[in-house]
Amino acid sequence: MNRILHVGLAAGAILISGACAAQGFKPTRTIDFIVHTGPGGGGDVHARAINAIFEKEKLLPVRATVVNGAELMKSSQEFIDQRRDIYKLAGIKTYR
C-alpha cells in the first residue's frame, strides 16, 4: 500500500511538472499550496509529500510552501476588515 502511494505521488509530481513546463510556467515568487485541512490532516500530509518531491527533484524554479486553511482564513478576515474600513472612508457601500 505504501509503495502504491509513493508511485502515485511521484506520477502526480511528474505530470504536474510536465504541464507547467509545457505552458511556460515560470513563477518569480514563492508558491503557496493552500490546504483545506488543519496541520496533520490528510490534505496537509499529501501536500507536504508532494512539496518534498518538488524540492528533491528541483521541479520548480522557486520555493513552495504549504499553507493551512485555518491560517489563510484568519489572514483573509483581517484583509476583509481592512478593506471594509477603507471602503467606509471612501464612501463605497459594502454589503454585510
PDB file of N, CA and C in Angstrom:
ATOM      1  N   MET A   1       0.824  -1.193   0.000  1.00  0.00           N
ATOM      2  CA  MET A   1       0.000   0.000   0.000  1.00  0.00           C
ATOM      3  C   MET A   1       0.868   1.257   0.000  1.00  0.00           C
ATOM      4  N   ASN A   2       1.916   1.240   0.813  1.00  0.00           N
ATOM      5  CA  ASN A   2       2.801   2.386   0.898  1.00  0.00           C
ATOM      6  C   ASN A   2       3.513   2.626  -0.439  1.00  0.00           C
ATOM      7  N   ARG A   3       3.856   1.543  -1.102  1.00  0.00           N
ATOM      8  CA  ARG A   3       4.539   1.664  -2.392  1.00  0.00           C
ATOM      9  C   ARG A   3       3.619   2.278  -3.446  1.00  0.00           C
ATOM     10  N   ILE A   4       2.349   1.892  -3.418  1.00  0.00           N
ATOM     11  CA  ILE A   4       1.376   2.454  -4.362  1.00  0.00           C
ATOM     12  C   ILE A   4       1.243   3.955  -4.135  1.00  0.00           C
ATOM     13  N   LEU A   5       1.205   4.385  -2.883  1.00  0.00           N
ATOM     14  CA  LEU A   5       1.110   5.808  -2.559  1.00  0.00           C
ATOM     15  C   LEU A   5       2.312   6.575  -3.101  1.00  0.00           C
ATOM     16  N   HIS A   6       3.505   6.041  -2.924  1.00  0.00           N
ATOM     17  CA  HIS A   6       4.720   6.710  -3.402  1.00  0.00           C
ATOM     18  C   HIS A   6       4.731   6.802  -4.924  1.00  0.00           C
ATOM     19  N   VAL A   7       4.324   5.734  -5.587  1.00  0.00           N
ATOM     20  CA  VAL A   7       4.276   5.744  -7.051  1.00  0.00           C
ATOM     21  C   VAL A   7       3.252   6.770  -7.523  1.00  0.00           C
ATOM     22  N   GLY A   8       2.115   6.818  -6.860  1.00  0.00           N
ATOM     23  CA  GLY A   8       1.079   7.786  -7.224  1.00  0.00           C
ATOM     24  C   GLY A   8       1.540   9.223  -7.037  1.00  0.00           C
ATOM     25  N   LEU A   9       2.194   9.497  -5.931  1.00  0.00           N
ATOM     26  CA  LEU A   9       2.711  10.846  -5.688  1.00  0.00           C
ATOM     27  C   LEU A   9       3.773  11.232  -6.706  1.00  0.00           C
ATOM     28  N   ALA A  10       4.665  10.311  -7.006  1.00  0.00           N
ATOM     29  CA  ALA A  10       5.713  10.594  -7.986  1.00  0.00           C
ATOM     30  C   ALA A  10       5.104  10.844  -9.362  1.00  0.00           C
ATOM     31  N   ALA A  11       4.117  10.027  -9.735  1.00  0.00           N
ATOM     32  CA  ALA A  11       3.472  10.217 -11.042  1.00  0.00           C
ATOM     33  C   ALA A  11       2.761  11.565 -11.095  1.00  0.00           C
ATOM     34  N   GLY A  12       2.096  11.933 -10.006  1.00  0.00           N
ATOM     35  CA  GLY A  12       1.418  13.232  -9.964  1.00  0.00           C
ATOM     36  C   GLY A  12       2.402  14.385 -10.094  1.00  0.00           C
ATOM     37  N   ALA A  13       3.531  14.280  -9.414  1.00  0.00           N
ATOM     38  CA  ALA A  13       4.541  15.334  -9.491  1.00  0.00           C
ATOM     39  C   ALA A  13       5.100  15.455 -10.907  1.00  0.00           C
ATOM     40  N   ILE A  14       5.330  14.339 -11.542  1.00  0.00           N
ATOM     41  CA  ILE A  14       5.856  14.357 -12.909  1.00  0.00           C
ATOM     42  C   ILE A  14       4.839  14.954 -13.874  1.00  0.00           C
ATOM     43  N   LEU A  15       3.583  14.574 -13.722  1.00  0.00           N
ATOM     44  CA  LEU A  15       2.542  15.120 -14.600  1.00  0.00           C
ATOM     45  C   LEU A  15       2.376  16.623 -14.406  1.00  0.00           C
ATOM     46  N   ILE A  16       2.380  17.059 -13.163  1.00  0.00           N
ATOM     47  CA  ILE A  16       2.234  18.485 -12.888  1.00  0.00           C
ATOM     48  C   ILE A  16       3.418  19.265 -13.437  1.00  0.00           C
ATOM     49  N   SER A  17       4.620  18.749 -13.246  1.00  0.00           N
ATOM     50  CA  SER A  17       5.792  19.463 -13.739  1.00  0.00           C
ATOM     51  C   SER A  17       5.793  19.519 -15.259  1.00  0.00           C
ATOM     52  N   GLY A  18       5.346  18.445 -15.904  1.00  0.00           N
ATOM     53  CA  GLY A  18       5.267  18.444 -17.365  1.00  0.00           C
ATOM     54  C   GLY A  18       4.252  19.450 -17.879  1.00  0.00           C
ATOM     55  N   ALA A  19       3.116  19.537 -17.207  1.00  0.00           N
ATOM     56  CA  ALA A  19       2.087  20.507 -17.615  1.00  0.00           C
ATOM     57  C   ALA A  19       2.593  21.928 -17.425  1.00  0.00           C
ATOM     58  N   CYS A  20       3.301  22.182 -16.338  1.00  0.00           N
ATOM     59  CA  CYS A  20       3.838  23.522 -16.089  1.00  0.00           C
ATOM     60  C   CYS A  20       4.885  23.887 -17.133  1.00  0.00           C
ATOM     61  N   ALA A  21       5.740  22.946 -17.464  1.00  0.00           N
ATOM     62  CA  ALA A  21       6.787  23.213 -18.444  1.00  0.00           C
ATOM     63  C   ALA A  21       6.193  23.443 -19.829  1.00  0.00           C
ATOM     64  N   ALA A  22       5.150  22.728 -20.163  1.00  0.00           N
ATOM     65  CA  ALA A  22       4.542  22.873 -21.485  1.00  0.00           C
ATOM     66  C   ALA A  22       3.895  24.238 -21.653  1.00  0.00           C
ATOM     67  N   GLN A  23       3.427  24.830 -20.569  1.00  0.00           N
ATOM     68  CA  GLN A  23       2.765  26.121 -20.651  1.00  0.00           C
ATOM     69  C   GLN A  23       3.718  27.284 -20.389  1.00  0.00           C
ATOM     70  N   GLY A  24       4.966  27.010 -20.158  1.00  0.00           N
ATOM     71  CA  GLY A  24       5.933  28.064 -19.908  1.00  0.00           C
ATOM     72  C   GLY A  24       5.742  28.710 -18.553  1.00  0.00           C
ATOM     73  N   PHE A  25       5.350  27.946 -17.561  1.00  0.00           N
ATOM     74  CA  PHE A  25       5.100  28.459 -16.216  1.00  0.00           C
ATOM     75  C   PHE A  25       6.422  28.742 -15.529  1.00  0.00           C
ATOM     76  N   LYS A  26       6.698  30.021 -15.260  1.00  0.00           N
ATOM     77  CA  LYS A  26       7.935  30.401 -14.605  1.00  0.00           C
ATOM     78  C   LYS A  26       7.608  31.389 -13.485  1.00  0.00           C
ATOM     79  N   PRO A  27       7.297  30.877 -12.296  1.00  0.00           N
ATOM     80  CA  PRO A  27       6.965  31.777 -11.192  1.00  0.00           C
ATOM     81  C   PRO A  27       8.195  32.543 -10.721  1.00  0.00           C
ATOM     82  N   THR A  28       7.950  33.728 -10.199  1.00  0.00           N
ATOM     83  CA  THR A  28       9.036  34.558  -9.698  1.00  0.00           C
ATOM     84  C   THR A  28       8.993  34.701  -8.178  1.00  0.00           C
ATOM     85  N   ARG A  29       7.871  34.320  -7.564  1.00  0.00           N
ATOM     86  CA  ARG A  29       7.724  34.411  -6.118  1.00  0.00           C
ATOM     87  C   ARG A  29       7.465  33.026  -5.537  1.00  0.00           C
ATOM     88  N   THR A  30       7.471  32.947  -4.228  1.00  0.00           N
ATOM     89  CA  THR A  30       7.188  31.692  -3.551  1.00  0.00           C
ATOM     90  C   THR A  30       5.780  31.215  -3.879  1.00  0.00           C
ATOM     91  N   ILE A  31       5.637  29.923  -4.117  1.00  0.00           N
ATOM     92  CA  ILE A  31       4.334  29.328  -4.417  1.00  0.00           C
ATOM     93  C   ILE A  31       3.747  28.800  -3.117  1.00  0.00           C
ATOM     94  N   ASP A  32       2.463  29.077  -2.875  1.00  0.00           N
ATOM     95  CA  ASP A  32       1.778  28.578  -1.691  1.00  0.00           C
ATOM     96  C   ASP A  32       0.801  27.488  -2.094  1.00  0.00           C
ATOM     97  N   PHE A  33       0.977  26.300  -1.513  1.00  0.00           N
ATOM     98  CA  PHE A  33      -0.016  25.238  -1.659  1.00  0.00           C
ATOM     99  C   PHE A  33      -1.034  25.461  -0.545  1.00  0.00           C
ATOM    100  N   ILE A  34      -2.246  25.834  -0.899  1.00  0.00           N
ATOM    101  CA  ILE A  34      -3.280  26.101   0.098  1.00  0.00           C
ATOM    102  C   ILE A  34      -4.037  24.808   0.355  1.00  0.00           C
ATOM    103  N   VAL A  35      -4.020  24.372   1.620  1.00  0.00           N
ATOM    104  CA  VAL A  35      -4.606  23.097   2.019  1.00  0.00           C
ATOM    105  C   VAL A  35      -5.846  23.359   2.857  1.00  0.00           C
ATOM    106  N   HIS A  36      -6.920  22.643   2.575  1.00  0.00           N
ATOM    107  CA  HIS A  36      -8.191  22.880   3.254  1.00  0.00           C
ATOM    108  C   HIS A  36      -8.258  22.264   4.651  1.00  0.00           C
ATOM    109  N   THR A  37      -7.321  21.431   4.998  1.00  0.00           N
ATOM    110  CA  THR A  37      -7.347  20.790   6.314  1.00  0.00           C
ATOM    111  C   THR A  37      -6.349  21.459   7.254  1.00  0.00           C
ATOM    112  N   GLY A  38      -6.474  21.156   8.520  1.00  0.00           N
ATOM    113  CA  GLY A  38      -5.552  21.688   9.515  1.00  0.00           C
ATOM    114  C   GLY A  38      -4.229  20.951   9.493  1.00  0.00           C
ATOM    115  N   PRO A  39      -3.291  21.415  10.289  1.00  0.00           N
ATOM    116  CA  PRO A  39      -1.987  20.746  10.357  1.00  0.00           C
ATOM    117  C   PRO A  39      -2.134  19.284  10.780  1.00  0.00           C
ATOM    118  N   GLY A  40      -1.498  18.394  10.058  1.00  0.00           N
ATOM    119  CA  GLY A  40      -1.539  16.973  10.369  1.00  0.00           C
ATOM    120  C   GLY A  40      -2.691  16.232   9.714  1.00  0.00           C
ATOM    121  N   GLY A  41      -3.576  16.954   9.022  1.00  0.00           N
ATOM    122  CA  GLY A  41      -4.691  16.311   8.328  1.00  0.00           C
ATOM    123  C   GLY A  41      -4.232  15.634   7.053  1.00  0.00           C
ATOM    124  N   GLY A  42      -5.128  14.893   6.421  1.00  0.00           N
ATOM    125  CA  GLY A  42      -4.774  14.151   5.215  1.00  0.00           C
ATOM    126  C   GLY A  42      -4.281  15.034   4.087  1.00  0.00           C
ATOM    127  N   GLY A  43      -4.975  16.132   3.837  1.00  0.00           N
ATOM    128  CA  GLY A  43      -4.557  17.045   2.771  1.00  0.00           C
ATOM    129  C   GLY A  43      -3.213  17.682   3.057  1.00  0.00           C
ATOM    130  N   ASP A  44      -2.980  17.998   4.319  1.00  0.00           N
ATOM    131  CA  ASP A  44      -1.715  18.606   4.728  1.00  0.00           C
ATOM    132  C   ASP A  44      -0.559  17.633   4.498  1.00  0.00           C
ATOM    133  N   VAL A  45      -0.753  16.386   4.879  1.00  0.00           N
ATOM    134  CA  VAL A  45       0.293  15.372   4.716  1.00  0.00           C
ATOM    135  C   VAL A  45       0.609  15.160   3.232  1.00  0.00           C
ATOM    136  N   HIS A  46      -0.423  15.075   2.406  1.00  0.00           N
ATOM    137  CA  HIS A  46      -0.197  14.874   0.968  1.00  0.00           C
ATOM    138  C   HIS A  46       0.492  16.083   0.331  1.00  0.00           C
ATOM    139  N   ALA A  47       0.058  17.281   0.693  1.00  0.00           N
ATOM    140  CA  ALA A  47       0.682  18.480   0.129  1.00  0.00           C
ATOM    141  C   ALA A  47       2.150  18.562   0.515  1.00  0.00           C
ATOM    142  N   ARG A  48       2.469  18.217   1.742  1.00  0.00           N
ATOM    143  CA  ARG A  48       3.866  18.256   2.177  1.00  0.00           C
ATOM    144  C   ARG A  48       4.698  17.177   1.482  1.00  0.00           C
ATOM    145  N   ALA A  49       4.083  16.029   1.211  1.00  0.00           N
ATOM    146  CA  ALA A  49       4.799  14.962   0.483  1.00  0.00           C
ATOM    147  C   ALA A  49       5.083  15.402  -0.955  1.00  0.00           C
ATOM    148  N   ILE A  50       4.098  15.999  -1.598  1.00  0.00           N
ATOM    149  CA  ILE A  50       4.292  16.487  -2.970  1.00  0.00           C
ATOM    150  C   ILE A  50       5.326  17.601  -2.985  1.00  0.00           C
ATOM    151  N   ASN A  51       5.258  18.499  -2.005  1.00  0.00           N
ATOM    152  CA  ASN A  51       6.233  19.582  -1.916  1.00  0.00           C
ATOM    153  C   ASN A  51       7.645  19.029  -1.728  1.00  0.00           C
ATOM    154  N   ALA A  52       7.777  17.967  -0.940  1.00  0.00           N
ATOM    155  CA  ALA A  52       9.090  17.349  -0.747  1.00  0.00           C
ATOM    156  C   ALA A  52       9.637  16.782  -2.056  1.00  0.00           C
ATOM    157  N   ILE A  53       8.761  16.204  -2.857  1.00  0.00           N
ATOM    158  CA  ILE A  53       9.184  15.677  -4.167  1.00  0.00           C
ATOM    159  C   ILE A  53       9.639  16.818  -5.062  1.00  0.00           C
ATOM    160  N   PHE A  54       8.870  17.920  -5.067  1.00  0.00           N
ATOM    161  CA  PHE A  54       9.246  19.076  -5.881  1.00  0.00           C
ATOM    162  C   PHE A  54      10.626  19.601  -5.477  1.00  0.00           C
ATOM    163  N   GLU A  55      10.872  19.697  -4.169  1.00  0.00           N
ATOM    164  CA  GLU A  55      12.160  20.215  -3.703  1.00  0.00           C
ATOM    165  C   GLU A  55      13.301  19.252  -4.001  1.00  0.00           C
ATOM    166  N   LYS A  56      13.053  17.963  -3.800  1.00  0.00           N
ATOM    167  CA  LYS A  56      14.105  16.968  -4.032  1.00  0.00           C
ATOM    168  C   LYS A  56      14.500  16.910  -5.508  1.00  0.00           C
ATOM    169  N   GLU A  57      13.507  16.941  -6.386  1.00  0.00           N
ATOM    170  CA  GLU A  57      13.770  16.836  -7.826  1.00  0.00           C
ATOM    171  C   GLU A  57      14.029  18.190  -8.484  1.00  0.00           C
ATOM    172  N   LYS A  58      13.896  19.265  -7.693  1.00  0.00           N
ATOM    173  CA  LYS A  58      14.083  20.634  -8.211  1.00  0.00           C
ATOM    174  C   LYS A  58      13.193  20.885  -9.437  1.00  0.00           C
ATOM    175  N   LEU A  59      11.909  20.597  -9.274  1.00  0.00           N
ATOM    176  CA  LEU A  59      10.952  20.736 -10.377  1.00  0.00           C
ATOM    177  C   LEU A  59      10.433  22.160 -10.534  1.00  0.00           C
ATOM    178  N   LEU A  60      10.605  22.980  -9.516  1.00  0.00           N
ATOM    179  CA  LEU A  60      10.140  24.363  -9.587  1.00  0.00           C
ATOM    180  C   LEU A  60      11.327  25.307  -9.433  1.00  0.00           C
ATOM    181  N   PRO A  61      11.296  26.439 -10.142  1.00  0.00           N
ATOM    182  CA  PRO A  61      12.416  27.382 -10.035  1.00  0.00           C
ATOM    183  C   PRO A  61      12.414  28.196  -8.738  1.00  0.00           C
ATOM    184  N   VAL A  62      11.308  28.161  -7.987  1.00  0.00           N
ATOM    185  CA  VAL A  62      11.210  28.896  -6.720  1.00  0.00           C
ATOM    186  C   VAL A  62      10.797  27.951  -5.607  1.00  0.00           C
ATOM    187  N   ARG A  63      10.824  28.443  -4.388  1.00  0.00           N
ATOM    188  CA  ARG A  63      10.446  27.639  -3.228  1.00  0.00           C
ATOM    189  C   ARG A  63       8.929  27.563  -3.123  1.00  0.00           C
ATOM    190  N   ALA A  64       8.425  26.445  -2.655  1.00  0.00           N
ATOM    191  CA  ALA A  64       6.989  26.269  -2.426  1.00  0.00           C
ATOM    192  C   ALA A  64       6.759  25.992  -0.942  1.00  0.00           C
ATOM    193  N   THR A  65       5.658  26.516  -0.414  1.00  0.00           N
ATOM    194  CA  THR A  65       5.309  26.291   0.984  1.00  0.00           C
ATOM    195  C   THR A  65       3.878  25.779   1.073  1.00  0.00           C
ATOM    196  N   VAL A  66       3.566  25.112   2.167  1.00  0.00           N
ATOM    197  CA  VAL A  66       2.218  24.605   2.415  1.00  0.00           C
ATOM    198  C   VAL A  66       1.547  25.534   3.421  1.00  0.00           C
ATOM    199  N   VAL A  67       0.371  26.054   3.059  1.00  0.00           N
ATOM    200  CA  VAL A  67      -0.381  26.953   3.927  1.00  0.00           C
ATOM    201  C   VAL A  67      -1.682  26.261   4.292  1.00  0.00           C
ATOM    202  N   ASN A  68      -1.963  26.164   5.587  1.00  0.00           N
ATOM    203  CA  ASN A  68      -3.195  25.537   6.042  1.00  0.00           C
ATOM    204  C   ASN A  68      -4.353  26.523   5.955  1.00  0.00           C
ATOM    205  N   GLY A  69      -5.545  26.011   5.688  1.00  0.00           N
ATOM    206  CA  GLY A  69      -6.723  26.842   5.504  1.00  0.00           C
ATOM    207  C   GLY A  69      -7.061  27.698   6.704  1.00  0.00           C
ATOM    208  N   ALA A  70      -6.825  27.203   7.907  1.00  0.00           N
ATOM    209  CA  ALA A  70      -7.147  27.976   9.110  1.00  0.00           C
ATOM    210  C   ALA A  70      -6.315  29.255   9.168  1.00  0.00           C
ATOM    211  N   GLU A  71      -5.044  29.159   8.832  1.00  0.00           N
ATOM    212  CA  GLU A  71      -4.178  30.338   8.822  1.00  0.00           C
ATOM    213  C   GLU A  71      -4.633  31.322   7.753  1.00  0.00           C
ATOM    214  N   LEU A  72      -4.992  30.804   6.602  1.00  0.00           N
ATOM    215  CA  LEU A  72      -5.415  31.650   5.497  1.00  0.00           C
ATOM    216  C   LEU A  72      -6.726  32.363   5.819  1.00  0.00           C
ATOM    217  N   MET A  73      -7.660  31.652   6.443  1.00  0.00           N
ATOM    218  CA  MET A  73      -8.937  32.265   6.789  1.00  0.00           C
ATOM    219  C   MET A  73      -8.739  33.405   7.782  1.00  0.00           C
ATOM    220  N   LYS A  74      -7.818  33.238   8.711  1.00  0.00           N
ATOM    221  CA  LYS A  74      -7.548  34.286   9.692  1.00  0.00           C
ATOM    222  C   LYS A  74      -6.995  35.525   8.995  1.00  0.00           C
ATOM    223  N   SER A  75      -6.008  35.340   8.121  1.00  0.00           N
ATOM    224  CA  SER A  75      -5.428  36.481   7.418  1.00  0.00           C
ATOM    225  C   SER A  75      -6.428  37.077   6.433  1.00  0.00           C
ATOM    226  N   SER A  76      -7.308  36.253   5.856  1.00  0.00           N
ATOM    227  CA  SER A  76      -8.319  36.760   4.937  1.00  0.00           C
ATOM    228  C   SER A  76      -9.303  37.652   5.669  1.00  0.00           C
ATOM    229  N   GLN A  77      -9.694  37.250   6.866  1.00  0.00           N
ATOM    230  CA  GLN A  77     -10.626  38.071   7.633  1.00  0.00           C
ATOM    231  C   GLN A  77      -9.990  39.410   7.997  1.00  0.00           C
ATOM    232  N   GLU A  78      -8.713  39.415   8.337  1.00  0.00           N
ATOM    233  CA  GLU A  78      -8.017  40.671   8.617  1.00  0.00           C
ATOM    234  C   GLU A  78      -8.002  41.553   7.375  1.00  0.00           C
ATOM    235  N   PHE A  79      -7.756  40.949   6.203  1.00  0.00           N
ATOM    236  CA  PHE A  79      -7.735  41.688   4.948  1.00  0.00           C
ATOM    237  C   PHE A  79      -9.108  42.284   4.665  1.00  0.00           C
ATOM    238  N   ILE A  80     -10.160  41.497   4.862  1.00  0.00           N
ATOM    239  CA  ILE A  80     -11.521  41.983   4.625  1.00  0.00           C
ATOM    240  C   ILE A  80     -11.844  43.141   5.560  1.00  0.00           C
ATOM    241  N   ASP A  81     -11.463  43.020   6.814  1.00  0.00           N
ATOM    242  CA  ASP A  81     -11.723  44.095   7.772  1.00  0.00           C
ATOM    243  C   ASP A  81     -11.001  45.384   7.378  1.00  0.00           C
ATOM    244  N   GLN A  82      -9.768  45.266   6.901  1.00  0.00           N
ATOM    245  CA  GLN A  82      -9.033  46.450   6.455  1.00  0.00           C
ATOM    246  C   GLN A  82      -9.724  47.101   5.266  1.00  0.00           C
ATOM    247  N   ARG A  83     -10.154  46.284   4.305  1.00  0.00           N
ATOM    248  CA  ARG A  83     -10.827  46.818   3.122  1.00  0.00           C
ATOM    249  C   ARG A  83     -12.149  47.481   3.482  1.00  0.00           C
ATOM    250  N   ARG A  84     -12.859  46.900   4.428  1.00  0.00           N
ATOM    251  CA  ARG A  84     -14.133  47.464   4.843  1.00  0.00           C
ATOM    252  C   ARG A  84     -13.929  48.877   5.398  1.00  0.00           C
ATOM    253  N   ASP A  85     -12.858  49.061   6.180  1.00  0.00           N
ATOM    254  CA  ASP A  85     -12.558  50.387   6.722  1.00  0.00           C
ATOM    255  C   ASP A  85     -12.201  51.369   5.611  1.00  0.00           C
ATOM    256  N   ILE A  86     -11.432  50.912   4.641  1.00  0.00           N
ATOM    257  CA  ILE A  86     -11.051  51.774   3.521  1.00  0.00           C
ATOM    258  C   ILE A  86     -12.279  52.146   2.702  1.00  0.00           C
ATOM    259  N   TYR A  87     -13.151  51.180   2.433  1.00  0.00           N
ATOM    260  CA  TYR A  87     -14.369  51.461   1.674  1.00  0.00           C
ATOM    261  C   TYR A  87     -15.263  52.450   2.407  1.00  0.00           C
ATOM    262  N   LYS A  88     -15.322  52.308   3.727  1.00  0.00           N
ATOM    263  CA  LYS A  88     -16.147  53.215   4.522  1.00  0.00           C
ATOM    264  C   LYS A  88     -15.617  54.644   4.415  1.00  0.00           C
ATOM    265  N   LEU A  89     -14.299  54.808   4.500  1.00  0.00           N
ATOM    266  CA  LEU A  89     -13.696  56.131   4.376  1.00  0.00           C
ATOM    267  C   LEU A  89     -13.920  56.724   2.984  1.00  0.00           C
ATOM    268  N   ALA A  90     -13.908  55.867   1.967  1.00  0.00           N
ATOM    269  CA  ALA A  90     -14.084  56.335   0.589  1.00  0.00           C
ATOM    270  C   ALA A  90     -15.548  56.533   0.225  1.00  0.00           C
ATOM    271  N   GLY A  91     -16.448  56.102   1.093  1.00  0.00           N
ATOM    272  CA  GLY A  91     -17.871  56.251   0.814  1.00  0.00           C
ATOM    273  C   GLY A  91     -18.429  55.177  -0.111  1.00  0.00           C
ATOM    274  N   ILE A  92     -17.736  54.066  -0.228  1.00  0.00           N
ATOM    275  CA  ILE A  92     -18.203  52.961  -1.072  1.00  0.00           C
ATOM    276  C   ILE A  92     -19.078  52.053  -0.238  1.00  0.00           C
ATOM    277  N   LYS A  93     -20.264  51.763  -0.724  1.00  0.00           N
ATOM    278  CA  LYS A  93     -21.191  50.931   0.031  1.00  0.00           C
ATOM    279  C   LYS A  93     -20.770  49.459  -0.047  1.00  0.00           C
ATOM    280  N   THR A  94     -20.736  48.811   1.092  1.00  0.00           N
ATOM    281  CA  THR A  94     -20.439  47.388   1.143  1.00  0.00           C
ATOM    282  C   THR A  94     -21.634  46.644   1.704  1.00  0.00           C
ATOM    283  N   TYR A  95     -21.761  45.417   1.355  1.00  0.00           N
ATOM    284  CA  TYR A  95     -22.846  44.584   1.847  1.00  0.00           C
ATOM    285  C   TYR A  95     -22.306  43.679   2.921  1.00  0.00           C
ATOM    286  N   ARG A  96     -23.157  43.430   3.897  1.00  0.00           N
ATOM    287  CA  ARG A  96     -22.832  42.566   5.015  1.00  0.00           C
ATOM    288  C   ARG A  96     -22.354  43.287   6.212  1.00  0.00           C
TER     289      ARG A  96
END
